[in-house]
N, C-alpha and C. Protein backbone atom coordinates (compact mmCIF):
# COMPACT_ATOMS: atom_id res chain seq x y z
N MET A 1 0.80 -1.34 0.06
CA MET A 1 -0.19 0.01 -0.04
C MET A 1 0.93 1.29 0.07
N MET A 2 1.78 1.34 0.82
CA MET A 2 2.82 2.46 1.13
C MET A 2 3.61 2.58 -0.22
N ASN A 3 4.17 1.30 -0.99
CA ASN A 3 4.80 1.31 -1.91
C ASN A 3 3.95 1.95 -3.16
N GLU A 4 2.88 1.63 -3.15
CA GLU A 4 1.98 2.30 -4.49
C GLU A 4 1.85 3.72 -4.24
N LYS A 5 1.59 4.32 -3.18
CA LYS A 5 1.66 5.65 -2.85
C LYS A 5 2.92 6.25 -3.31
N LYS A 6 3.97 5.85 -2.84
CA LYS A 6 5.33 6.41 -3.35
C LYS A 6 5.34 6.54 -4.81
N GLU A 7 4.97 5.37 -5.27
CA GLU A 7 5.22 5.13 -6.95
C GLU A 7 4.17 6.15 -7.56
N LYS A 8 2.98 6.37 -7.08
CA LYS A 8 2.03 7.14 -7.56
C LYS A 8 2.71 8.69 -7.66
N GLN A 9 3.12 9.15 -6.45
CA GLN A 9 3.87 10.58 -6.37
C GLN A 9 5.02 10.41 -7.21
N ALA A 10 5.74 9.51 -7.49
CA ALA A 10 6.88 9.72 -8.59
C ALA A 10 6.60 9.87 -9.84
N ASN A 11 5.43 9.17 -10.09
CA ASN A 11 4.93 9.15 -11.41
C ASN A 11 4.10 10.54 -11.82
N ALA A 12 3.74 11.13 -10.83
CA ALA A 12 3.00 12.44 -10.98
C ALA A 12 3.94 13.30 -11.28
N TRP A 13 5.05 13.28 -10.24
CA TRP A 13 6.28 14.41 -10.62
C TRP A 13 6.67 14.08 -12.04
N PHE A 14 7.14 12.89 -12.43
CA PHE A 14 7.55 12.83 -13.71
C PHE A 14 6.65 13.12 -14.75
N GLY A 15 5.42 12.85 -14.83
CA GLY A 15 4.47 13.38 -15.70
C GLY A 15 4.40 15.02 -15.91
N ASP A 16 4.49 15.69 -14.84
CA ASP A 16 4.64 17.09 -14.65
C ASP A 16 5.58 17.51 -15.35
N ALA A 17 6.86 16.99 -15.17
CA ALA A 17 8.09 17.40 -15.84
C ALA A 17 8.07 17.23 -17.18
N LEU A 18 7.62 15.93 -17.66
CA LEU A 18 7.58 15.54 -19.11
C LEU A 18 6.47 16.55 -19.89
N LYS A 19 5.51 17.09 -19.11
CA LYS A 19 4.49 18.03 -19.77
C LYS A 19 5.22 19.44 -19.81
N LEU A 20 6.04 19.86 -19.01
CA LEU A 20 6.68 21.23 -19.21
C LEU A 20 7.90 20.98 -20.11
N PHE A 21 8.63 19.87 -19.93
CA PHE A 21 9.51 19.51 -21.12
C PHE A 21 8.88 19.68 -22.60
N ALA A 22 7.74 19.08 -22.81
CA ALA A 22 7.05 19.24 -24.04
C ALA A 22 6.66 20.71 -24.63
N ARG A 23 6.20 21.37 -23.54
CA ARG A 23 5.67 22.63 -23.83
C ARG A 23 6.89 23.62 -24.23
N LEU A 24 7.98 23.47 -23.62
CA LEU A 24 9.11 24.04 -23.82
C LEU A 24 9.78 23.87 -25.28
N ASN A 25 9.82 22.71 -25.42
CA ASN A 25 10.22 22.36 -26.78
C ASN A 25 9.37 22.86 -27.92
N ILE A 26 7.97 22.80 -27.59
CA ILE A 26 7.11 23.25 -28.78
C ILE A 26 7.50 24.75 -28.93
N TRP A 27 7.75 25.33 -27.68
CA TRP A 27 8.04 26.90 -27.72
C TRP A 27 9.62 27.28 -28.45
N ALA A 28 10.38 26.17 -28.39
CA ALA A 28 11.66 26.51 -28.80
C ALA A 28 11.93 26.37 -30.42
N VAL A 29 10.91 25.21 -30.73
CA VAL A 29 10.73 24.73 -31.95
C VAL A 29 10.15 25.60 -33.22
N PHE A 30 8.91 25.84 -32.71
CA PHE A 30 7.72 26.30 -33.63
C PHE A 30 7.81 27.66 -33.83
N PRO A 31 8.22 28.62 -33.14
CA PRO A 31 8.12 29.88 -33.42
C PRO A 31 9.34 30.30 -34.64
N VAL A 32 10.54 29.65 -34.30
CA VAL A 32 11.70 29.70 -35.21
C VAL A 32 11.50 29.13 -36.44
N LEU A 33 10.76 27.91 -36.43
CA LEU A 33 10.61 27.19 -37.79
C LEU A 33 9.57 28.06 -38.71
N LEU A 34 8.51 28.51 -38.02
CA LEU A 34 7.65 29.48 -38.70
C LEU A 34 8.13 30.86 -39.05
N ALA A 35 9.19 31.19 -38.27
CA ALA A 35 9.93 32.46 -38.56
C ALA A 35 10.77 32.06 -40.20
N VAL A 36 11.45 31.24 -39.90
CA VAL A 36 12.20 30.74 -41.20
C VAL A 36 11.41 30.69 -42.49
N LEU A 37 10.46 29.66 -42.05
CA LEU A 37 9.43 29.43 -43.39
C LEU A 37 8.61 30.86 -44.08
N ALA A 38 8.16 31.42 -43.15
CA ALA A 38 7.80 32.94 -43.59
C ALA A 38 8.63 33.86 -44.16
N GLY A 39 9.85 33.86 -43.37
CA GLY A 39 10.83 34.69 -43.71
C GLY A 39 11.35 34.50 -45.17
N LYS A 40 11.79 33.41 -45.54
CA LYS A 40 12.01 32.59 -46.66
C LYS A 40 11.23 33.15 -47.94
N TYR A 41 9.89 32.85 -47.58
CA TYR A 41 8.96 33.00 -48.62
C TYR A 41 8.68 34.67 -48.66
N LEU A 42 8.82 35.25 -47.84
CA LEU A 42 8.53 36.90 -47.81
C LEU A 42 9.95 37.57 -48.67
N ASP A 43 11.07 36.97 -48.26
CA ASP A 43 12.14 37.43 -48.77
C ASP A 43 12.19 37.20 -50.38
N ASN A 44 11.93 36.00 -50.75
CA ASN A 44 11.75 35.66 -52.21
C ASN A 44 10.63 36.70 -52.71
N TYR A 45 9.48 37.01 -52.08
CA TYR A 45 8.35 37.60 -52.69
C TYR A 45 8.98 39.17 -52.71
N PHE A 46 9.54 39.72 -51.89
CA PHE A 46 10.11 41.01 -51.79
C PHE A 46 11.46 41.39 -52.43
N GLY A 47 12.24 40.28 -52.51
CA GLY A 47 13.71 40.31 -53.11
C GLY A 47 14.64 40.95 -51.90
N THR A 48 14.18 40.78 -50.69
CA THR A 48 15.20 41.46 -49.86
C THR A 48 15.74 40.35 -48.88
N LYS A 49 16.42 39.28 -49.69
CA LYS A 49 16.81 38.12 -48.99
C LYS A 49 18.16 38.69 -48.27
N PRO A 50 18.52 38.38 -47.09
CA PRO A 50 17.78 37.58 -46.00
C PRO A 50 17.35 38.22 -44.93
N TRP A 51 16.95 39.61 -45.21
CA TRP A 51 16.64 40.63 -44.03
C TRP A 51 15.39 40.35 -43.49
N ILE A 52 14.13 39.98 -44.03
CA ILE A 52 12.99 39.60 -43.39
C ILE A 52 13.08 38.43 -42.54
N MET A 53 13.83 37.57 -43.17
CA MET A 53 13.92 36.28 -42.12
C MET A 53 14.76 36.43 -41.20
N VAL A 54 15.73 37.18 -41.20
CA VAL A 54 16.60 37.60 -39.89
C VAL A 54 15.75 38.17 -38.92
N ALA A 55 14.80 39.47 -39.57
CA ALA A 55 14.15 39.81 -38.37
C ALA A 55 13.17 38.97 -37.69
N LEU A 56 12.57 38.23 -38.68
CA LEU A 56 11.52 37.29 -37.99
C LEU A 56 12.20 36.29 -37.16
N ILE A 57 13.29 35.93 -37.31
CA ILE A 57 13.89 34.93 -36.28
C ILE A 57 14.35 35.59 -35.24
N VAL A 58 14.69 36.92 -35.27
CA VAL A 58 15.05 37.67 -34.13
C VAL A 58 13.92 37.77 -33.20
N LEU A 59 12.70 38.26 -33.74
CA LEU A 59 11.45 38.20 -33.04
C LEU A 59 10.89 37.05 -32.56
N ALA A 60 11.07 35.98 -33.18
CA ALA A 60 10.88 34.49 -32.65
C ALA A 60 11.63 34.10 -31.64
N PHE A 61 12.96 34.39 -31.48
CA PHE A 61 13.76 34.24 -30.30
C PHE A 61 13.34 35.07 -29.27
N ASN A 62 12.91 36.23 -29.47
CA ASN A 62 12.41 37.02 -28.15
C ASN A 62 11.19 36.34 -27.71
N ILE A 63 10.28 35.85 -28.60
CA ILE A 63 9.07 35.46 -28.28
C ILE A 63 9.16 34.29 -27.32
N THR A 64 10.12 33.43 -27.84
CA THR A 64 10.82 32.12 -27.20
C THR A 64 11.20 32.38 -25.76
N VAL A 65 12.07 33.25 -25.65
CA VAL A 65 12.40 33.52 -24.23
C VAL A 65 11.44 34.28 -23.46
N TYR A 66 10.55 34.89 -23.87
CA TYR A 66 9.44 35.39 -23.06
C TYR A 66 8.62 34.17 -22.60
N LYS A 67 8.34 33.37 -23.39
CA LYS A 67 7.37 32.01 -22.98
C LYS A 67 8.26 31.50 -22.00
N PHE A 68 9.68 31.06 -22.33
CA PHE A 68 10.25 30.37 -21.24
C PHE A 68 10.22 30.84 -19.95
N TRP A 69 10.52 32.20 -19.93
CA TRP A 69 10.35 33.03 -18.56
C TRP A 69 9.16 32.76 -17.86
N LYS A 70 7.96 32.94 -18.57
CA LYS A 70 6.82 32.68 -18.03
C LYS A 70 6.61 31.34 -17.66
N GLU A 71 6.90 30.33 -18.15
CA GLU A 71 6.93 29.02 -17.90
C GLU A 71 7.64 28.79 -16.43
N ALA A 72 8.84 29.22 -16.52
CA ALA A 72 9.77 29.10 -15.44
C ALA A 72 9.23 29.63 -14.09
N ASN A 73 8.62 30.95 -14.22
CA ASN A 73 7.82 31.65 -13.22
C ASN A 73 6.70 31.04 -12.70
N LYS A 74 5.86 30.15 -13.67
CA LYS A 74 4.82 29.29 -13.11
C LYS A 74 5.33 28.01 -12.21
N VAL A 75 6.56 27.45 -12.68
CA VAL A 75 7.02 26.32 -11.98
C VAL A 75 7.68 26.74 -10.66
N LEU A 76 8.53 27.79 -10.71
CA LEU A 76 9.29 28.19 -9.58
C LEU A 76 8.16 28.92 -8.80
């Protein structure tokens, strides 16, 4: 009985950590990926290679850092 309770607590902690890991990875990958794809398209359309893509990557990086900060403040 006591062993089950400890195992449940360990699994609950692991599940929360896994959810946090997934959320942070999503926020690390998707904004930058979207910035690269949109930037390449817009640079080809306007003929400004690579400046729009660079600007969008910088914006995506700032968004990612902000979301990481918010998630860290929730956890801590």
